[in-house]
Amino acid sequence: MLSEDIFEDSWAYQEMVAKGQQKGFEIGLHEGELHALRGVIVDIVQRRFPPLVTLVSSHIQKMEDAVQLRRLSVELSIAQTVQEAEQAFKVVVKDTQQH
């Protein structure tokens, strides 16, 4: 028990714990950003292009790039028709798959 306390009080242990916490925090932020972007995209599609909800919802769950999700949300926001929205979606998904 005493040796465990000494280890936990060491600067090396404290440094490892701090790095682990920071890494976990960064991962949590990234996951939160992805979740929020996916929610925005689904909201846009449900409101403006209901026929595309199933298609878009299934694909965006697999997308892990926040930049591409942001791009998709912008493209869907400016699309005027279901056809434009579908085309924008296909372009972004294709670009995502190539990277």
Protein backbone atom coordinates (compact mmCIF):
# COMPACT_ATOMS: atom_id res chain seq x y z
CA MET A 1 0.00 0.00 0.00
CA LEU A 2 2.77 2.41 0.90
CA SER A 3 4.68 1.77 -2.35
CA GLU A 4 1.46 2.43 -4.32
CA ASP A 5 1.06 5.80 -2.61
CA ILE A 6 4.65 6.72 -3.38
CA PHE A 7 4.13 5.80 -7.02
CA GLU A 8 0.91 7.82 -7.28
CA ASP A 9 2.62 10.83 -5.74
CA SER A 10 5.53 10.77 -8.20
CA TRP A 11 5.84 13.45 -10.87
CA ALA A 12 5.99 10.77 -13.60
CA TYR A 13 2.67 9.26 -12.54
CA GLN A 14 1.05 12.69 -12.27
CA GLU A 15 2.33 13.56 -15.76
CA MET A 16 0.92 10.34 -17.25
CA VAL A 17 -2.46 10.94 -15.60
CA ALA A 18 -2.58 14.54 -16.87
CA LYS A 19 -1.75 13.45 -20.44
CA GLY A 20 -4.38 10.72 -20.31
CA GLN A 21 -7.01 13.16 -19.09
CA GLN A 22 -6.13 15.67 -21.82
CA LYS A 23 -6.32 12.99 -24.50
CA GLY A 24 -9.70 11.83 -23.20
CA PHE A 25 -10.94 15.42 -23.15
CA GLU A 26 -9.84 15.94 -26.77
CA ILE A 27 -11.53 12.73 -27.89
CA GLY A 28 -14.70 13.75 -26.07
CA LEU A 29 -14.72 17.15 -27.75
CA HIS A 30 -14.25 15.60 -31.18
CA GLU A 31 -17.06 13.09 -30.62
CA GLY A 32 -19.31 15.88 -29.35
CA GLU A 33 -18.60 17.97 -32.42
CA LEU A 34 -19.40 15.06 -34.74
CA HIS A 35 -22.63 14.35 -32.86
CA ALA A 36 -23.71 18.00 -33.07
CA LEU A 37 -22.92 18.28 -36.78
CA ARG A 38 -24.83 15.08 -37.55
CA GLY A 39 -27.80 16.47 -35.63
CA VAL A 40 -27.73 19.71 -37.60
CA ILE A 41 -27.60 17.82 -40.89
CA VAL A 42 -30.53 15.61 -39.96
CA ASP A 43 -32.52 18.66 -38.86
CA ILE A 44 -31.85 20.44 -42.17
CA VAL A 45 -32.82 17.39 -44.21
CA GLN A 46 -35.96 16.67 -42.17
CA ARG A 47 -37.11 20.25 -42.54
CA ARG A 48 -36.18 20.94 -46.16
CA PHE A 49 -35.76 17.59 -47.94
CA PRO A 50 -37.79 14.87 -46.17
CA PRO A 51 -37.40 12.33 -49.01
CA LEU A 52 -33.64 12.24 -48.28
CA VAL A 53 -33.81 11.60 -44.52
CA THR A 54 -33.17 7.86 -44.68
CA LEU A 55 -30.34 8.15 -47.20
CA VAL A 56 -28.55 10.98 -45.43
CA SER A 57 -29.05 9.68 -41.90
CA SER A 58 -27.53 6.30 -42.65
CA HIS A 59 -24.45 7.73 -44.34
CA ILE A 60 -23.58 10.53 -41.95
CA GLN A 61 -23.33 8.11 -39.03
CA LYS A 62 -20.29 6.60 -40.75
CA MET A 63 -18.62 9.95 -41.45
CA GLU A 64 -15.84 10.78 -38.98
CA ASP A 65 -14.49 13.98 -40.53
CA ALA A 66 -15.91 17.14 -38.96
CA VAL A 67 -14.78 19.25 -41.92
CA GLN A 68 -16.74 17.09 -44.35
CA LEU A 69 -19.81 17.12 -42.11
CA ARG A 70 -19.61 20.91 -41.88
CA ARG A 71 -19.26 21.13 -45.65
CA LEU A 72 -22.29 18.89 -46.09
CA SER A 73 -24.38 21.02 -43.73
CA VAL A 74 -23.52 24.14 -45.73
CA GLU A 75 -24.22 22.47 -49.07
CA LEU A 76 -27.57 21.17 -47.84
CA SER A 77 -28.43 24.59 -46.43
CA ILE A 78 -27.96 26.33 -49.75
CA ALA A 79 -29.55 23.66 -51.95
CA GLN A 80 -32.83 24.82 -53.46
CA THR A 81 -34.34 21.51 -54.53
CA VAL A 82 -34.29 17.87 -53.44
CA GLN A 83 -32.23 17.13 -56.55
CA GLU A 84 -29.63 19.76 -55.66
CA ALA A 85 -29.48 18.47 -52.09
CA GLU A 86 -29.08 14.88 -53.28
CA GLN A 87 -26.33 15.88 -55.70
CA ALA A 88 -24.49 17.86 -53.03
CA PHE A 89 -24.78 14.92 -50.66
CA LYS A 90 -23.39 12.50 -53.25
CA VAL A 91 -20.42 14.79 -54.00
CA VAL A 92 -19.48 15.16 -50.32
CA VAL A 93 -19.87 11.43 -49.64
CA LYS A 94 -17.75 10.60 -52.69
CA ASP A 95 -15.04 13.03 -51.55
CA THR A 96 -15.15 11.51 -48.07
CA GLN A 97 -14.73 7.99 -49.42
CA GLN A 98 -11.74 9.00 -51.53
CA HIS A 99 -9.87 10.39 -48.51
